[in-house]
Structures are given as structure tokens and as C-alpha cells.
Amino acid sequence: MEYTFKRGYTADMERIEGILKEIFSSGITRNGERITLSYGALKSCQIWIENKKLNVLTESLPGAPDDMIMDTNRRFRKFLERATGYTTKQRVQMAKREAQGE
């Protein structure tokens, strides 16, 4: 997925890495301009910035328990909001507009 940054939110990997460390606290590695994360129901998550947009590629852990999935999703949504400046509702609205070609 590709996420736009809200005005005032910088496309800076150091800032993104700091937010990840605060929210997920472990399983984070950085290889150049990509950050890889493994936490809870996320088997793997790659994060990078391209064309001033946050790019995220995730792979779920099959058979993860519901409580683990809920915790991971909550943390991931919190990360996206703090990284991009947009709430979940705003990101959904933007995705719908893009899908309609506006």
C-alpha cells in the first residue's frame, strides 16, 4: 500500500523508524532505506519512502489468534496515523476517491 503524508508530516525515514520503535518496540531492522518489521500477526512488514509517499508491504502470520490480530492491527493503525497524519477514516476516504479516479 502507498500512503500520502499530510501537510507538515515529513517523509523522513529516521522519524518513521522512531515511531515504529515507540509502537512496536522490537523486531525492527533497517537495511539502507527500508525498514523491516516482524511483530505479532505481522509475519513481515517492509516500509520505505518512494516519491514522497510511505510504502508498506505486509505479510500476515497464518493462524494467528484473534487477540494477537487485534493488538497488531491497533498498533499498525496507530503507526500509520502518527506517520502520515491521517486517521483511519481519512485514509479510507482518500482511497475511495483515488479508486473513483478523482
C-alpha atoms as a PDB file:
ATOM      1  CA  MET A   1       0.000   0.000   0.000  1.00  0.00           C
ATOM      2  CA  GLU A   2       1.009   3.561  -0.600  1.00  0.00           C
ATOM      3  CA  TYR A   3       0.151   6.333   1.864  1.00  0.00           C
ATOM      4  CA  THR A   4       0.292  10.103   1.374  1.00  0.00           C
ATOM      5  CA  PHE A   5       1.765  12.331   4.065  1.00  0.00           C
ATOM      6  CA  LYS A   6      -0.402  15.106   5.449  1.00  0.00           C
ATOM      7  CA  ARG A   7       0.999  18.624   5.143  1.00  0.00           C
ATOM      8  CA  GLY A   8       3.530  19.160   7.923  1.00  0.00           C
ATOM      9  CA  TYR A   9       4.459  15.457   8.183  1.00  0.00           C
ATOM     10  CA  THR A  10       7.879  14.824   6.695  1.00  0.00           C
ATOM     11  CA  ALA A  11       8.842  11.870   4.533  1.00  0.00           C
ATOM     12  CA  ASP A  12      11.828  11.115   6.777  1.00  0.00           C
ATOM     13  CA  MET A  13      12.952   7.546   7.483  1.00  0.00           C
ATOM     14  CA  GLU A  14      14.526   8.461  10.843  1.00  0.00           C
ATOM     15  CA  ARG A  15      11.186   9.852  12.025  1.00  0.00           C
ATOM     16  CA  ILE A  16       9.334   6.786  10.712  1.00  0.00           C
ATOM     17  CA  GLU A  17      11.810   4.434  12.406  1.00  0.00           C
ATOM     18  CA  GLY A  18      11.396   6.298  15.709  1.00  0.00           C
ATOM     19  CA  ILE A  19       7.608   5.936  15.554  1.00  0.00           C
ATOM     20  CA  LEU A  20       7.930   2.222  14.776  1.00  0.00           C
ATOM     21  CA  LYS A  21      10.243   1.708  17.761  1.00  0.00           C
ATOM     22  CA  GLU A  22       7.802   3.502  20.077  1.00  0.00           C
ATOM     23  CA  ILE A  23       4.788   1.499  18.929  1.00  0.00           C
ATOM     24  CA  PHE A  24       6.231  -1.958  18.213  1.00  0.00           C
ATOM     25  CA  SER A  25       9.396  -1.839  20.408  1.00  0.00           C
ATOM     26  CA  SER A  26      11.052  -4.956  18.910  1.00  0.00           C
ATOM     27  CA  GLY A  27      11.620  -6.921  15.721  1.00  0.00           C
ATOM     28  CA  ILE A  28      12.672  -3.817  13.747  1.00  0.00           C
ATOM     29  CA  THR A  29      15.675  -3.811  11.420  1.00  0.00           C
ATOM     30  CA  ARG A  30      16.876  -1.234   8.932  1.00  0.00           C
ATOM     31  CA  ASN A  31      18.652  -2.023   5.688  1.00  0.00           C
ATOM     32  CA  GLY A  32      19.516   1.206   3.888  1.00  0.00           C
ATOM     33  CA  GLU A  33      16.290   2.980   3.047  1.00  0.00           C
ATOM     34  CA  ARG A  34      13.993   0.098   4.011  1.00  0.00           C
ATOM     35  CA  ILE A  35      12.765  -0.895   7.434  1.00  0.00           C
ATOM     36  CA  THR A  36      11.643  -4.442   8.110  1.00  0.00           C
ATOM     37  CA  LEU A  37       9.381  -5.346  10.996  1.00  0.00           C
ATOM     38  CA  SER A  38       8.080  -8.595  12.418  1.00  0.00           C
ATOM     39  CA  TYR A  39       5.542  -8.321  15.233  1.00  0.00           C
ATOM     40  CA  GLY A  40       2.511 -10.285  16.403  1.00  0.00           C
ATOM     41  CA  ALA A  41       0.254 -11.145  13.469  1.00  0.00           C
ATOM     42  CA  LEU A  42       2.660  -9.460  11.027  1.00  0.00           C
ATOM     43  CA  LYS A  43       4.965 -12.149   9.696  1.00  0.00           C
ATOM     44  CA  SER A  44       6.830  -9.390   7.880  1.00  0.00           C
ATOM     45  CA  CYS A  45       6.340  -5.739   7.081  1.00  0.00           C
ATOM     46  CA  GLN A  46       8.592  -3.705   4.783  1.00  0.00           C
ATOM     47  CA  ILE A  47       8.435   0.071   4.945  1.00  0.00           C
ATOM     48  CA  TRP A  48      10.111   2.597   2.663  1.00  0.00           C
ATOM     49  CA  ILE A  49       9.567   6.044   1.186  1.00  0.00           C
ATOM     50  CA  GLU A  50       9.248   6.466  -2.561  1.00  0.00           C
ATOM     51  CA  ASN A  51       8.056   9.557  -4.464  1.00  0.00           C
ATOM     52  CA  LYS A  52       7.339  11.301  -1.130  1.00  0.00           C
ATOM     53  CA  LYS A  53       4.884   8.561  -0.148  1.00  0.00           C
ATOM     54  CA  LEU A  54       5.037   5.943   2.587  1.00  0.00           C
ATOM     55  CA  ASN A  55       5.073   2.451   1.079  1.00  0.00           C
ATOM     56  CA  VAL A  56       4.153  -0.570   3.171  1.00  0.00           C
ATOM     57  CA  LEU A  57       4.238  -4.218   2.115  1.00  0.00           C
ATOM     58  CA  THR A  58       2.861  -6.665   4.698  1.00  0.00           C
ATOM     59  CA  GLU A  59       2.583 -10.414   5.061  1.00  0.00           C
ATOM     60  CA  SER A  60       0.273 -11.822   7.743  1.00  0.00           C
ATOM     61  CA  LEU A  61       1.071 -14.707  10.059  1.00  0.00           C
ATOM     62  CA  PRO A  62      -1.327 -17.549   9.187  1.00  0.00           C
ATOM     63  CA  GLY A  63      -3.328 -18.924  12.108  1.00  0.00           C
ATOM     64  CA  ALA A  64      -2.593 -16.032  14.474  1.00  0.00           C
ATOM     65  CA  PRO A  65      -5.001 -15.870  17.450  1.00  0.00           C
ATOM     66  CA  ASP A  66      -7.710 -13.180  17.397  1.00  0.00           C
ATOM     67  CA  ASP A  67      -6.270 -11.223  20.346  1.00  0.00           C
ATOM     68  CA  MET A  68      -2.879 -11.065  18.611  1.00  0.00           C
ATOM     69  CA  ILE A  69      -4.509  -9.896  15.376  1.00  0.00           C
ATOM     70  CA  MET A  70      -6.460  -7.179  17.183  1.00  0.00           C
ATOM     71  CA  ASP A  71      -3.364  -5.925  19.046  1.00  0.00           C
ATOM     72  CA  THR A  72      -1.266  -5.905  15.869  1.00  0.00           C
ATOM     73  CA  ASN A  73      -3.969  -4.096  13.866  1.00  0.00           C
ATOM     74  CA  ARG A  74      -4.402  -1.487  16.618  1.00  0.00           C
ATOM     75  CA  ARG A  75      -0.661  -0.814  16.716  1.00  0.00           C
ATOM     76  CA  PHE A  76      -0.422  -0.709  12.911  1.00  0.00           C
ATOM     77  CA  ARG A  77      -3.281   1.820  12.629  1.00  0.00           C
ATOM     78  CA  LYS A  78      -1.649   3.923  15.355  1.00  0.00           C
ATOM     79  CA  PHE A  79       1.652   3.812  13.444  1.00  0.00           C
ATOM     80  CA  LEU A  80       0.018   4.896  10.177  1.00  0.00           C
ATOM     81  CA  GLU A  81      -1.785   7.785  11.874  1.00  0.00           C
ATOM     82  CA  ARG A  82       1.357   9.050  13.585  1.00  0.00           C
ATOM     83  CA  ALA A  83       3.493   8.572  10.461  1.00  0.00           C
ATOM     84  CA  THR A  84       1.137  10.107   7.876  1.00  0.00           C
ATOM     85  CA  GLY A  85      -1.018  12.429   9.969  1.00  0.00           C
ATOM     86  CA  TYR A  86      -4.237  10.909   8.616  1.00  0.00           C
ATOM     87  CA  THR A  87      -6.744   8.943  10.685  1.00  0.00           C
ATOM     88  CA  THR A  88      -8.075   5.591   9.510  1.00  0.00           C
ATOM     89  CA  LYS A  89     -11.316   7.258   8.409  1.00  0.00           C
ATOM     90  CA  GLN A  90      -9.431   9.876   6.384  1.00  0.00           C
ATOM     91  CA  ARG A  91      -7.221   7.217   4.744  1.00  0.00           C
ATOM     92  CA  VAL A  92     -10.319   5.213   3.735  1.00  0.00           C
ATOM     93  CA  GLN A  93     -11.953   8.323   2.245  1.00  0.00           C
ATOM     94  CA  MET A  94      -8.790   9.163   0.281  1.00  0.00           C
ATOM     95  CA  ALA A  95      -8.530   5.585  -1.016  1.00  0.00           C
ATOM     96  CA  LYS A  96     -12.159   5.690  -2.190  1.00  0.00           C
ATOM     97  CA  ARG A  97     -11.553   8.981  -4.026  1.00  0.00           C
ATOM     98  CA  GLU A  98      -8.438   7.575  -5.705  1.00  0.00           C
ATOM     99  CA  ALA A  99     -10.311   4.416  -6.736  1.00  0.00           C
ATOM    100  CA  GLN A 100     -13.004   6.572  -8.364  1.00  0.00           C
ATOM    101  CA  GLY A 101     -10.320   8.488 -10.260  1.00  0.00           C
ATOM    102  CA  GLU A 102     -10.832  11.885  -8.642  1.00  0.00           C
END
